[in-house]
Amino acid sequence: MQVKIASFFGGGSGGCVNSPESLESTSIGQCLARHGYEVRNGGYRGLMEAVSKGVSVADGKCVGYTCKSFGYTKGNSYLSETVVSADIYDRLRHLIDYSNVL
């Protein structure tokens, strides 16, 4: 059986964890995980962390693609796995090319 992969794009800066956008992103992560999707995102904070949290709560798999050229490669604490990309183009290529749902 082929793995179903959904890539999530969302801002990585600040934002309140109880904001409507953050809560909705967490719900999206839960929904995708419950429907059997592996979720991939940029791996950092903000909405990427919120969707990762939702996946984690639903016992799913969430892969974060951080970026070496940003100077900080550690992903958020809800990720199942972190992949360090060489640069922003490599990061985006993985998120787009290997996804069934964007």
PDB file of N, CA and C in Angstrom:
ATOM      1  N   MET A   1       0.837  -1.188   0.000  1.00  0.00           N
ATOM      2  CA  MET A   1       0.000   0.000   0.000  1.00  0.00           C
ATOM      3  C   MET A   1       0.878   1.247   0.000  1.00  0.00           C
ATOM      4  N   GLN A   2       0.558   2.185  -0.866  1.00  0.00           N
ATOM      5  CA  GLN A   2       1.315   3.427  -0.970  1.00  0.00           C
ATOM      6  C   GLN A   2       0.969   4.360   0.192  1.00  0.00           C
ATOM      7  N   VAL A   3       1.995   5.007   0.741  1.00  0.00           N
ATOM      8  CA  VAL A   3       1.797   5.962   1.827  1.00  0.00           C
ATOM      9  C   VAL A   3       1.131   7.217   1.275  1.00  0.00           C
ATOM     10  N   LYS A   4       0.090   7.676   1.952  1.00  0.00           N
ATOM     11  CA  LYS A   4      -0.572   8.924   1.572  1.00  0.00           C
ATOM     12  C   LYS A   4       0.154  10.050   2.304  1.00  0.00           C
ATOM     13  N   ILE A   5       0.608  11.048   1.549  1.00  0.00           N
ATOM     14  CA  ILE A   5       1.378  12.146   2.129  1.00  0.00           C
ATOM     15  C   ILE A   5       0.694  13.472   1.839  1.00  0.00           C
ATOM     16  N   ALA A   6       0.533  14.267   2.901  1.00  0.00           N
ATOM     17  CA  ALA A   6      -0.039  15.616   2.771  1.00  0.00           C
ATOM     18  C   ALA A   6       0.996  16.625   3.248  1.00  0.00           C
ATOM     19  N   SER A   7       1.288  17.623   2.421  1.00  0.00           N
ATOM     20  CA  SER A   7       2.203  18.694   2.821  1.00  0.00           C
ATOM     21  C   SER A   7       1.393  19.891   3.279  1.00  0.00           C
ATOM     22  N   PHE A   8       1.829  20.464   4.382  1.00  0.00           N
ATOM     23  CA  PHE A   8       1.140  21.605   4.988  1.00  0.00           C
ATOM     24  C   PHE A   8       2.070  22.808   4.954  1.00  0.00           C
ATOM     25  N   PHE A   9       1.584  23.899   4.384  1.00  0.00           N
ATOM     26  CA  PHE A   9       2.347  25.136   4.329  1.00  0.00           C
ATOM     27  C   PHE A   9       1.687  26.155   5.243  1.00  0.00           C
ATOM     28  N   GLY A  10       2.457  26.720   6.147  1.00  0.00           N
ATOM     29  CA  GLY A  10       1.923  27.713   7.066  1.00  0.00           C
ATOM     30  C   GLY A  10       3.047  28.517   7.680  1.00  0.00           C
ATOM     31  N   GLY A  11       2.720  29.684   8.162  1.00  0.00           N
ATOM     32  CA  GLY A  11       3.714  30.573   8.741  1.00  0.00           C
ATOM     33  C   GLY A  11       4.406  29.983   9.953  1.00  0.00           C
ATOM     34  N   GLY A  12       5.651  30.381  10.137  1.00  0.00           N
ATOM     35  CA  GLY A  12       6.437  29.874  11.248  1.00  0.00           C
ATOM     36  C   GLY A  12       6.647  30.881  12.357  1.00  0.00           C
ATOM     37  N   SER A  13       6.122  32.071  12.185  1.00  0.00           N
ATOM     38  CA  SER A  13       6.386  33.093  13.198  1.00  0.00           C
ATOM     39  C   SER A  13       5.258  33.192  14.210  1.00  0.00           C
ATOM     40  N   GLY A  14       5.669  33.444  15.427  1.00  0.00           N
ATOM     41  CA  GLY A  14       4.790  33.757  16.554  1.00  0.00           C
ATOM     42  C   GLY A  14       3.380  33.235  16.503  1.00  0.00           C
ATOM     43  N   GLY A  15       2.468  34.108  16.824  1.00  0.00           N
ATOM     44  CA  GLY A  15       1.065  33.729  16.861  1.00  0.00           C
ATOM     45  C   GLY A  15       0.704  33.061  18.167  1.00  0.00           C
ATOM     46  N   CYS A  16      -0.484  33.287  18.574  1.00  0.00           N
ATOM     47  CA  CYS A  16      -0.991  32.718  19.820  1.00  0.00           C
ATOM     48  C   CYS A  16      -1.436  31.274  19.587  1.00  0.00           C
ATOM     49  N   VAL A  17      -1.084  30.396  20.500  1.00  0.00           N
ATOM     50  CA  VAL A  17      -1.475  28.985  20.346  1.00  0.00           C
ATOM     51  C   VAL A  17      -2.988  28.805  20.405  1.00  0.00           C
ATOM     52  N   ASN A  18      -3.694  29.802  20.914  1.00  0.00           N
ATOM     53  CA  ASN A  18      -5.154  29.721  20.971  1.00  0.00           C
ATOM     54  C   ASN A  18      -5.827  30.562  19.897  1.00  0.00           C
ATOM     55  N   SER A  19      -5.065  31.038  18.922  1.00  0.00           N
ATOM     56  CA  SER A  19      -5.662  31.815  17.833  1.00  0.00           C
ATOM     57  C   SER A  19      -6.511  30.883  16.968  1.00  0.00           C
ATOM     58  N   PRO A  20      -7.495  31.434  16.275  1.00  0.00           N
ATOM     59  CA  PRO A  20      -8.321  30.590  15.403  1.00  0.00           C
ATOM     60  C   PRO A  20      -7.481  29.830  14.364  1.00  0.00           C
ATOM     61  N   GLU A  21      -6.453  30.481  13.817  1.00  0.00           N
ATOM     62  CA  GLU A  21      -5.614  29.841  12.806  1.00  0.00           C
ATOM     63  C   GLU A  21      -4.826  28.665  13.395  1.00  0.00           C
ATOM     64  N   SER A  22      -4.316  28.857  14.588  1.00  0.00           N
ATOM     65  CA  SER A  22      -3.552  27.801  15.242  1.00  0.00           C
ATOM     66  C   SER A  22      -4.447  26.611  15.599  1.00  0.00           C
ATOM     67  N   LEU A  23      -5.595  26.887  16.147  1.00  0.00           N
ATOM     68  CA  LEU A  23      -6.533  25.820  16.516  1.00  0.00           C
ATOM     69  C   LEU A  23      -7.016  25.064  15.283  1.00  0.00           C
ATOM     70  N   GLU A  24      -7.257  25.789  14.201  1.00  0.00           N
ATOM     71  CA  GLU A  24      -7.689  25.151  12.965  1.00  0.00           C
ATOM     72  C   GLU A  24      -6.575  24.278  12.378  1.00  0.00           C
ATOM     73  N   SER A  25      -5.354  24.758  12.448  1.00  0.00           N
ATOM     74  CA  SER A  25      -4.217  23.976  11.945  1.00  0.00           C
ATOM     75  C   SER A  25      -4.038  22.693  12.756  1.00  0.00           C
ATOM     76  N   THR A  26      -4.227  22.771  14.055  1.00  0.00           N
ATOM     77  CA  THR A  26      -4.156  21.579  14.901  1.00  0.00           C
ATOM     78  C   THR A  26      -5.250  20.582  14.489  1.00  0.00           C
ATOM     79  N   SER A  27      -6.442  21.077  14.249  1.00  0.00           N
ATOM     80  CA  SER A  27      -7.552  20.209  13.807  1.00  0.00           C
ATOM     81  C   SER A  27      -7.264  19.571  12.453  1.00  0.00           C
ATOM     82  N   ILE A  28      -6.658  20.336  11.543  1.00  0.00           N
ATOM     83  CA  ILE A  28      -6.295  19.794  10.230  1.00  0.00           C
ATOM     84  C   ILE A  28      -5.298  18.647  10.398  1.00  0.00           C
ATOM     85  N   GLY A  29      -4.307  18.841  11.257  1.00  0.00           N
ATOM     86  CA  GLY A  29      -3.325  17.785  11.519  1.00  0.00           C
ATOM     87  C   GLY A  29      -3.976  16.529  12.061  1.00  0.00           C
ATOM     88  N   GLN A  30      -4.887  16.692  13.005  1.00  0.00           N
ATOM     89  CA  GLN A  30      -5.604  15.540  13.570  1.00  0.00           C
ATOM     90  C   GLN A  30      -6.398  14.821  12.489  1.00  0.00           C
ATOM     91  N   CYS A  31      -7.118  15.568  11.696  1.00  0.00           N
ATOM     92  CA  CYS A  31      -7.959  14.989  10.643  1.00  0.00           C
ATOM     93  C   CYS A  31      -7.120  14.211   9.627  1.00  0.00           C
ATOM     94  N   LEU A  32      -6.025  14.815   9.187  1.00  0.00           N
ATOM     95  CA  LEU A  32      -5.167  14.126   8.212  1.00  0.00           C
ATOM     96  C   LEU A  32      -4.596  12.834   8.796  1.00  0.00           C
ATOM     97  N   ALA A  33      -4.114  12.892  10.026  1.00  0.00           N
ATOM     98  CA  ALA A  33      -3.549  11.691  10.661  1.00  0.00           C
ATOM     99  C   ALA A  33      -4.608  10.607  10.833  1.00  0.00           C
ATOM    100  N   ARG A  34      -5.795  10.988  11.240  1.00  0.00           N
ATOM    101  CA  ARG A  34      -6.869  10.004  11.440  1.00  0.00           C
ATOM    102  C   ARG A  34      -7.310   9.356  10.134  1.00  0.00           C
ATOM    103  N   HIS A  35      -7.073  10.044   9.020  1.00  0.00           N
ATOM    104  CA  HIS A  35      -7.419   9.488   7.712  1.00  0.00           C
ATOM    105  C   HIS A  35      -6.222   8.825   7.037  1.00  0.00           C
ATOM    106  N   GLY A  36      -5.186   8.556   7.821  1.00  0.00           N
ATOM    107  CA  GLY A  36      -4.074   7.767   7.327  1.00  0.00           C
ATOM    108  C   GLY A  36      -2.985   8.512   6.578  1.00  0.00           C
ATOM    109  N   TYR A  37      -2.971   9.830   6.663  1.00  0.00           N
ATOM    110  CA  TYR A  37      -1.940  10.602   5.974  1.00  0.00           C
ATOM    111  C   TYR A  37      -0.711  10.804   6.845  1.00  0.00           C
ATOM    112  N   GLU A  38       0.450  10.703   6.229  1.00  0.00           N
ATOM    113  CA  GLU A  38       1.686  11.179   6.825  1.00  0.00           C
ATOM    114  C   GLU A  38       1.727  12.670   6.473  1.00  0.00           C
ATOM    115  N   VAL A  39       1.960  13.505   7.448  1.00  0.00           N
ATOM    116  CA  VAL A  39       1.966  14.948   7.213  1.00  0.00           C
ATOM    117  C   VAL A  39       3.398  15.454   7.201  1.00  0.00           C
ATOM    118  N   ARG A  40       3.683  16.324   6.250  1.00  0.00           N
ATOM    119  CA  ARG A  40       5.007  16.942   6.146  1.00  0.00           C
ATOM    120  C   ARG A  40       4.839  18.454   6.143  1.00  0.00           C
ATOM    121  N   ASN A  41       5.799  19.124   6.779  1.00  0.00           N
ATOM    122  CA  ASN A  41       5.778  20.586   6.795  1.00  0.00           C
ATOM    123  C   ASN A  41       7.191  21.110   6.977  1.00  0.00           C
ATOM    124  N   GLY A  42       7.314  22.419   7.124  1.00  0.00           N
ATOM    125  CA  GLY A  42       8.625  23.046   7.261  1.00  0.00           C
ATOM    126  C   GLY A  42       9.310  22.777   8.582  1.00  0.00           C
ATOM    127  N   GLY A  43       8.587  22.250   9.553  1.00  0.00           N
ATOM    128  CA  GLY A  43       9.191  21.770  10.785  1.00  0.00           C
ATOM    129  C   GLY A  43       9.431  22.755  11.902  1.00  0.00           C
ATOM    130  N   TYR A  44       9.183  24.023  11.660  1.00  0.00           N
ATOM    131  CA  TYR A  44       9.484  25.003  12.703  1.00  0.00           C
ATOM    132  C   TYR A  44       8.249  25.316  13.548  1.00  0.00           C
ATOM    133  N   ARG A  45       8.140  26.529  14.036  1.00  0.00           N
ATOM    134  CA  ARG A  45       7.073  26.915  14.970  1.00  0.00           C
ATOM    135  C   ARG A  45       5.837  27.432  14.231  1.00  0.00           C
ATOM    136  N   GLY A  46       5.008  28.170  14.919  1.00  0.00           N
ATOM    137  CA  GLY A  46       3.812  28.768  14.322  1.00  0.00           C
ATOM    138  C   GLY A  46       2.808  27.729  13.861  1.00  0.00           C
ATOM    139  N   LEU A  47       2.273  27.933  12.663  1.00  0.00           N
ATOM    140  CA  LEU A  47       1.253  27.020  12.143  1.00  0.00           C
ATOM    141  C   LEU A  47       1.832  25.642  11.814  1.00  0.00           C
ATOM    142  N   MET A  48       3.126  25.595  11.481  1.00  0.00           N
ATOM    143  CA  MET A  48       3.770  24.292  11.243  1.00  0.00           C
ATOM    144  C   MET A  48       3.778  23.471  12.532  1.00  0.00           C
ATOM    145  N   GLU A  49       4.042  24.122  13.653  1.00  0.00           N
ATOM    146  CA  GLU A  49       4.022  23.426  14.940  1.00  0.00           C
ATOM    147  C   GLU A  49       2.604  23.017  15.318  1.00  0.00           C
ATOM    148  N   ALA A  50       1.638  23.867  15.007  1.00  0.00           N
ATOM    149  CA  ALA A  50       0.242  23.556  15.340  1.00  0.00           C
ATOM    150  C   ALA A  50      -0.244  22.320  14.586  1.00  0.00           C
ATOM    151  N   VAL A  51       0.041  22.230  13.292  1.00  0.00           N
ATOM    152  CA  VAL A  51      -0.388  21.050  12.533  1.00  0.00           C
ATOM    153  C   VAL A  51       0.364  19.811  13.027  1.00  0.00           C
ATOM    154  N   SER A  52       1.640  19.984  13.383  1.00  0.00           N
ATOM    155  CA  SER A  52       2.431  18.872  13.929  1.00  0.00           C
ATOM    156  C   SER A  52       1.824  18.370  15.233  1.00  0.00           C
ATOM    157  N   LYS A  53       1.363  19.298  16.051  1.00  0.00           N
ATOM    158  CA  LYS A  53       0.725  18.935  17.319  1.00  0.00           C
ATOM    159  C   LYS A  53      -0.528  18.097  17.069  1.00  0.00           C
ATOM    160  N   GLY A  54      -1.331  18.512  16.103  1.00  0.00           N
ATOM    161  CA  GLY A  54      -2.543  17.765  15.777  1.00  0.00           C
ATOM    162  C   GLY A  54      -2.237  16.354  15.319  1.00  0.00           C
ATOM    163  N   VAL A  55      -1.214  16.215  14.501  1.00  0.00           N
ATOM    164  CA  VAL A  55      -0.802  14.886  14.033  1.00  0.00           C
ATOM    165  C   VAL A  55      -0.346  14.038  15.216  1.00  0.00           C
ATOM    166  N   SER A  56       0.418  14.636  16.107  1.00  0.00           N
ATOM    167  CA  SER A  56       0.933  13.933  17.275  1.00  0.00           C
ATOM    168  C   SER A  56      -0.191  13.456  18.190  1.00  0.00           C
ATOM    169  N   VAL A  57      -1.168  14.317  18.421  1.00  0.00           N
ATOM    170  CA  VAL A  57      -2.314  13.979  19.273  1.00  0.00           C
ATOM    171  C   VAL A  57      -3.075  12.783  18.700  1.00  0.00           C
ATOM    172  N   ALA A  58      -3.120  12.688  17.371  1.00  0.00           N
ATOM    173  CA  ALA A  58      -3.837  11.597  16.705  1.00  0.00           C
ATOM    174  C   ALA A  58      -2.922  10.394  16.441  1.00  0.00           C
ATOM    175  N   ASP A  59      -1.729  10.393  17.050  1.00  0.00           N
ATOM    176  CA  ASP A  59      -0.770   9.292  16.889  1.00  0.00           C
ATOM    177  C   ASP A  59      -0.365   9.043  15.448  1.00  0.00           C
ATOM    178  N   GLY A  60      -0.258  10.124  14.669  1.00  0.00           N
ATOM    179  CA  GLY A  60       0.178  10.010  13.283  1.00  0.00           C
ATOM    180  C   GLY A  60       1.654  10.305  13.139  1.00  0.00           C
ATOM    181  N   LYS A  61       2.102  10.340  11.904  1.00  0.00           N
ATOM    182  CA  LYS A  61       3.507  10.632  11.610  1.00  0.00           C
ATOM    183  C   LYS A  61       3.601  12.005  10.964  1.00  0.00           C
ATOM    184  N   CYS A  62       4.489  12.844  11.508  1.00  0.00           N
ATOM    185  CA  CYS A  62       4.703  14.175  10.962  1.00  0.00           C
ATOM    186  C   CYS A  62       6.198  14.386  10.752  1.00  0.00           C
ATOM    187  N   VAL A  63       6.576  14.679   9.514  1.00  0.00           N
ATOM    188  CA  VAL A  63       7.972  14.902   9.160  1.00  0.00           C
ATOM    189  C   VAL A  63       8.178  16.390   8.901  1.00  0.00           C
ATOM    190  N   GLY A  64       9.165  16.963   9.577  1.00  0.00           N
ATOM    191  CA  GLY A  64       9.495  18.371   9.381  1.00  0.00           C
ATOM    192  C   GLY A  64      10.753  18.518   8.555  1.00  0.00           C
ATOM    193  N   TYR A  65      10.708  19.400   7.557  1.00  0.00           N
ATOM    194  CA  TYR A  65      11.853  19.681   6.698  1.00  0.00           C
ATOM    195  C   TYR A  65      12.423  21.039   7.084  1.00  0.00           C
ATOM    196  N   THR A  66      13.472  21.002   7.904  1.00  0.00           N
ATOM    197  CA  THR A  66      14.119  22.245   8.289  1.00  0.00           C
ATOM    198  C   THR A  66      15.174  22.581   7.239  1.00  0.00           C
ATOM    199  N   CYS A  67      15.862  23.696   7.421  1.00  0.00           N
ATOM    200  CA  CYS A  67      16.739  24.182   6.376  1.00  0.00           C
ATOM    201  C   CYS A  67      18.096  24.606   6.937  1.00  0.00           C
ATOM    202  N   LYS A  68      19.147  23.961   6.459  1.00  0.00           N
ATOM    203  CA  LYS A  68      20.504  24.236   6.920  1.00  0.00           C
ATOM    204  C   LYS A  68      20.885  25.703   6.710  1.00  0.00           C
ATOM    205  N   SER A  69      20.471  26.282   5.598  1.00  0.00           N
ATOM    206  CA  SER A  69      20.852  27.669   5.301  1.00  0.00           C
ATOM    207  C   SER A  69      20.181  28.687   6.221  1.00  0.00           C
ATOM    208  N   PHE A  70      19.169  28.271   6.986  1.00  0.00           N
ATOM    209  CA  PHE A  70      18.544  29.175   7.958  1.00  0.00           C
ATOM    210  C   PHE A  70      19.397  29.307   9.218  1.00  0.00           C
ATOM    211  N   GLY A  71      20.328  28.373   9.399  1.00  0.00           N
ATOM    212  CA  GLY A  71      21.200  28.409  10.566  1.00  0.00           C
ATOM    213  C   GLY A  71      20.628  27.720  11.790  1.00  0.00           C
ATOM    214  N   TYR A  72      19.409  27.278  11.715  1.00  0.00           N
ATOM    215  CA  TYR A  72      18.768  26.589  12.832  1.00  0.00           C
ATOM    216  C   TYR A  72      18.016  25.401  12.255  1.00  0.00           C
ATOM    217  N   THR A  73      18.437  24.202  12.608  1.00  0.00           N
ATOM    218  CA  THR A  73      17.867  23.014  11.976  1.00  0.00           C
ATOM    219  C   THR A  73      16.997  22.158  12.886  1.00  0.00           C
ATOM    220  N   LYS A  74      16.924  22.503  14.153  1.00  0.00           N
ATOM    221  CA  LYS A  74      16.106  21.714  15.074  1.00  0.00           C
ATOM    222  C   LYS A  74      14.623  22.018  14.835  1.00  0.00           C
ATOM    223  N   GLY A  75      13.840  20.966  14.635  1.00  0.00           N
ATOM    224  CA  GLY A  75      12.413  21.124  14.398  1.00  0.00           C
ATOM    225  C   GLY A  75      11.628  21.217  15.700  1.00  0.00           C
ATOM    226  N   ASN A  76      10.327  21.437  15.575  1.00  0.00           N
ATOM    227  CA  ASN A  76       9.470  21.546  16.764  1.00  0.00           C
ATOM    228  C   ASN A  76       9.335  20.188  17.469  1.00  0.00           C
ATOM    229  N   SER A  77       8.882  20.222  18.690  1.00  0.00           N
ATOM    230  CA  SER A  77       8.863  19.023  19.537  1.00  0.00           C
ATOM    231  C   SER A  77       7.781  18.007  19.183  1.00  0.00           C
ATOM    232  N   TYR A  78       6.878  18.334  18.285  1.00  0.00           N
ATOM    233  CA  TYR A  78       5.801  17.407  17.919  1.00  0.00           C
ATOM    234  C   TYR A  78       6.129  16.555  16.693  1.00  0.00           C
ATOM    235  N   LEU A  79       7.269  16.769  16.083  1.00  0.00           N
ATOM    236  CA  LEU A  79       7.637  16.027  14.881  1.00  0.00           C
ATOM    237  C   LEU A  79       8.016  14.588  15.202  1.00  0.00           C
ATOM    238  N   SER A  80       7.661  13.688  14.315  1.00  0.00           N
ATOM    239  CA  SER A  80       8.093  12.293  14.416  1.00  0.00           C
ATOM    240  C   SER A  80       9.512  12.150  13.879  1.00  0.00           C
ATOM    241  N   GLU A  81       9.846  13.024  12.938  1.00  0.00           N
ATOM    242  CA  GLU A  81      11.143  12.954  12.261  1.00  0.00           C
ATOM    243  C   GLU A  81      11.476  14.336  11.723  1.00  0.00           C
ATOM    244  N   THR A  82      12.760  14.671  11.715  1.00  0.00           N
ATOM    245  CA  THR A  82      13.227  15.929  11.127  1.00  0.00           C
ATOM    246  C   THR A  82      14.224  15.610  10.022  1.00  0.00           C
ATOM    247  N   VAL A  83      14.021  16.201   8.856  1.00  0.00           N
ATOM    248  CA  VAL A  83      14.933  16.068   7.729  1.00  0.00           C
ATOM    249  C   VAL A  83      15.548  17.446   7.506  1.00  0.00           C
ATOM    250  N   VAL A  84      16.863  17.523   7.502  1.00  0.00           N
ATOM    251  CA  VAL A  84      17.543  18.796   7.299  1.00  0.00           C
ATOM    252  C   VAL A  84      17.858  18.957   5.815  1.00  0.00           C
ATOM    253  N   SER A  85      17.239  19.954   5.194  1.00  0.00           N
ATOM    254  CA  SER A  85      17.460  20.247   3.784  1.00  0.00           C
ATOM    255  C   SER A  85      18.660  21.167   3.635  1.00  0.00           C
ATOM    256  N   ALA A  86      19.356  21.041   2.522  1.00  0.00           N
ATOM    257  CA  ALA A  86      20.549  21.850   2.270  1.00  0.00           C
ATOM    258  C   ALA A  86      20.202  23.328   2.105  1.00  0.00           C
ATOM    259  N   ASP A  87      19.080  23.608   1.421  1.00  0.00           N
ATOM    260  CA  ASP A  87      18.686  24.993   1.175  1.00  0.00           C
ATOM    261  C   ASP A  87      17.171  25.062   0.984  1.00  0.00           C
ATOM    262  N   ILE A  88      16.666  26.260   0.823  1.00  0.00           N
ATOM    263  CA  ILE A  88      15.215  26.471   0.721  1.00  0.00           C
ATOM    264  C   ILE A  88      14.627  25.758  -0.496  1.00  0.00           C
ATOM    265  N   TYR A  89      15.371  25.679  -1.587  1.00  0.00           N
ATOM    266  CA  TYR A  89      14.866  25.034  -2.802  1.00  0.00           C
ATOM    267  C   TYR A  89      14.725  23.528  -2.612  1.00  0.00           C
ATOM    268  N   ASP A  90      15.703  22.921  -1.965  1.00  0.00           N
ATOM    269  CA  ASP A  90      15.644  21.496  -1.649  1.00  0.00           C
ATOM    270  C   ASP A  90      14.466  21.211  -0.718  1.00  0.00           C
ATOM    271  N   ARG A  91      14.286  22.080   0.251  1.00  0.00           N
ATOM    272  CA  ARG A  91      13.187  21.949   1.219  1.00  0.00           C
ATOM    273  C   ARG A  91      11.831  21.981   0.509  1.00  0.00           C
ATOM    274  N   LEU A  92      11.632  22.984  -0.322  1.00  0.00           N
ATOM    275  CA  LEU A  92      10.360  23.110  -1.047  1.00  0.00           C
ATOM    276  C   LEU A  92      10.153  21.959  -2.029  1.00  0.00           C
ATOM    277  N   ARG A  93      11.211  21.545  -2.678  1.00  0.00           N
ATOM    278  CA  ARG A  93      11.115  20.437  -3.642  1.00  0.00           C
ATOM    279  C   ARG A  93      10.597  19.171  -2.957  1.00  0.00           C
ATOM    280  N   HIS A  94      11.130  18.864  -1.775  1.00  0.00           N
ATOM    281  CA  HIS A  94      10.667  17.682  -1.044  1.00  0.00           C
ATOM    282  C   HIS A  94       9.212  17.824  -0.607  1.00  0.00           C
ATOM    283  N   LEU A  95       8.848  18.994  -0.154  1.00  0.00           N
ATOM    284  CA  LEU A  95       7.475  19.192   0.310  1.00  0.00           C
ATOM    285  C   LEU A  95       6.459  19.107  -0.829  1.00  0.00           C
ATOM    286  N   ILE A  96       6.849  19.558  -2.002  1.00  0.00           N
ATOM    287  CA  ILE A  96       5.918  19.571  -3.130  1.00  0.00           C
ATOM    288  C   ILE A  96       5.948  18.273  -3.930  1.00  0.00           C
ATOM    289  N   ASP A  97       7.145  17.832  -4.308  1.00  0.00           N
ATOM    290  CA  ASP A  97       7.264  16.697  -5.219  1.00  0.00           C
ATOM    291  C   ASP A  97       6.816  15.361  -4.642  1.00  0.00           C
ATOM    292  N   TYR A  98       6.909  15.196  -3.331  1.00  0.00           N
ATOM    293  CA  TYR A  98       6.613  13.891  -2.735  1.00  0.00           C
ATOM    294  C   TYR A  98       5.299  13.888  -1.963  1.00  0.00           C
ATOM    295  N   SER A  99       4.376  14.737  -2.377  1.00  0.00           N
ATOM    296  CA  SER A  99       3.108  14.857  -1.677  1.00  0.00           C
ATOM    297  C   SER A  99       1.939  14.483  -2.565  1.00  0.00           C
ATOM    298  N   ASN A 100       0.924  13.877  -1.962  1.00  0.00           N
ATOM    299  CA  ASN A 100      -0.319  13.590  -2.675  1.00  0.00           C
ATOM    300  C   ASN A 100      -1.315  14.733  -2.528  1.00  0.00           C
ATOM    301  N   VAL A 101      -1.172  15.501  -1.446  1.00  0.00           N
ATOM    302  CA  VAL A 101      -2.080  16.596  -1.132  1.00  0.00           C
ATOM    303  C   VAL A 101      -1.251  17.791  -0.691  1.00  0.00           C
ATOM    304  N   LEU A 102      -1.494  18.954  -1.287  1.00  0.00           N
ATOM    305  CA  LEU A 102      -0.795  20.182  -0.886  1.00  0.00           C
ATOM    306  C   LEU A 102      -1.775  21.143  -0.259  1.00  0.00           C
TER     307      LEU A 102
END
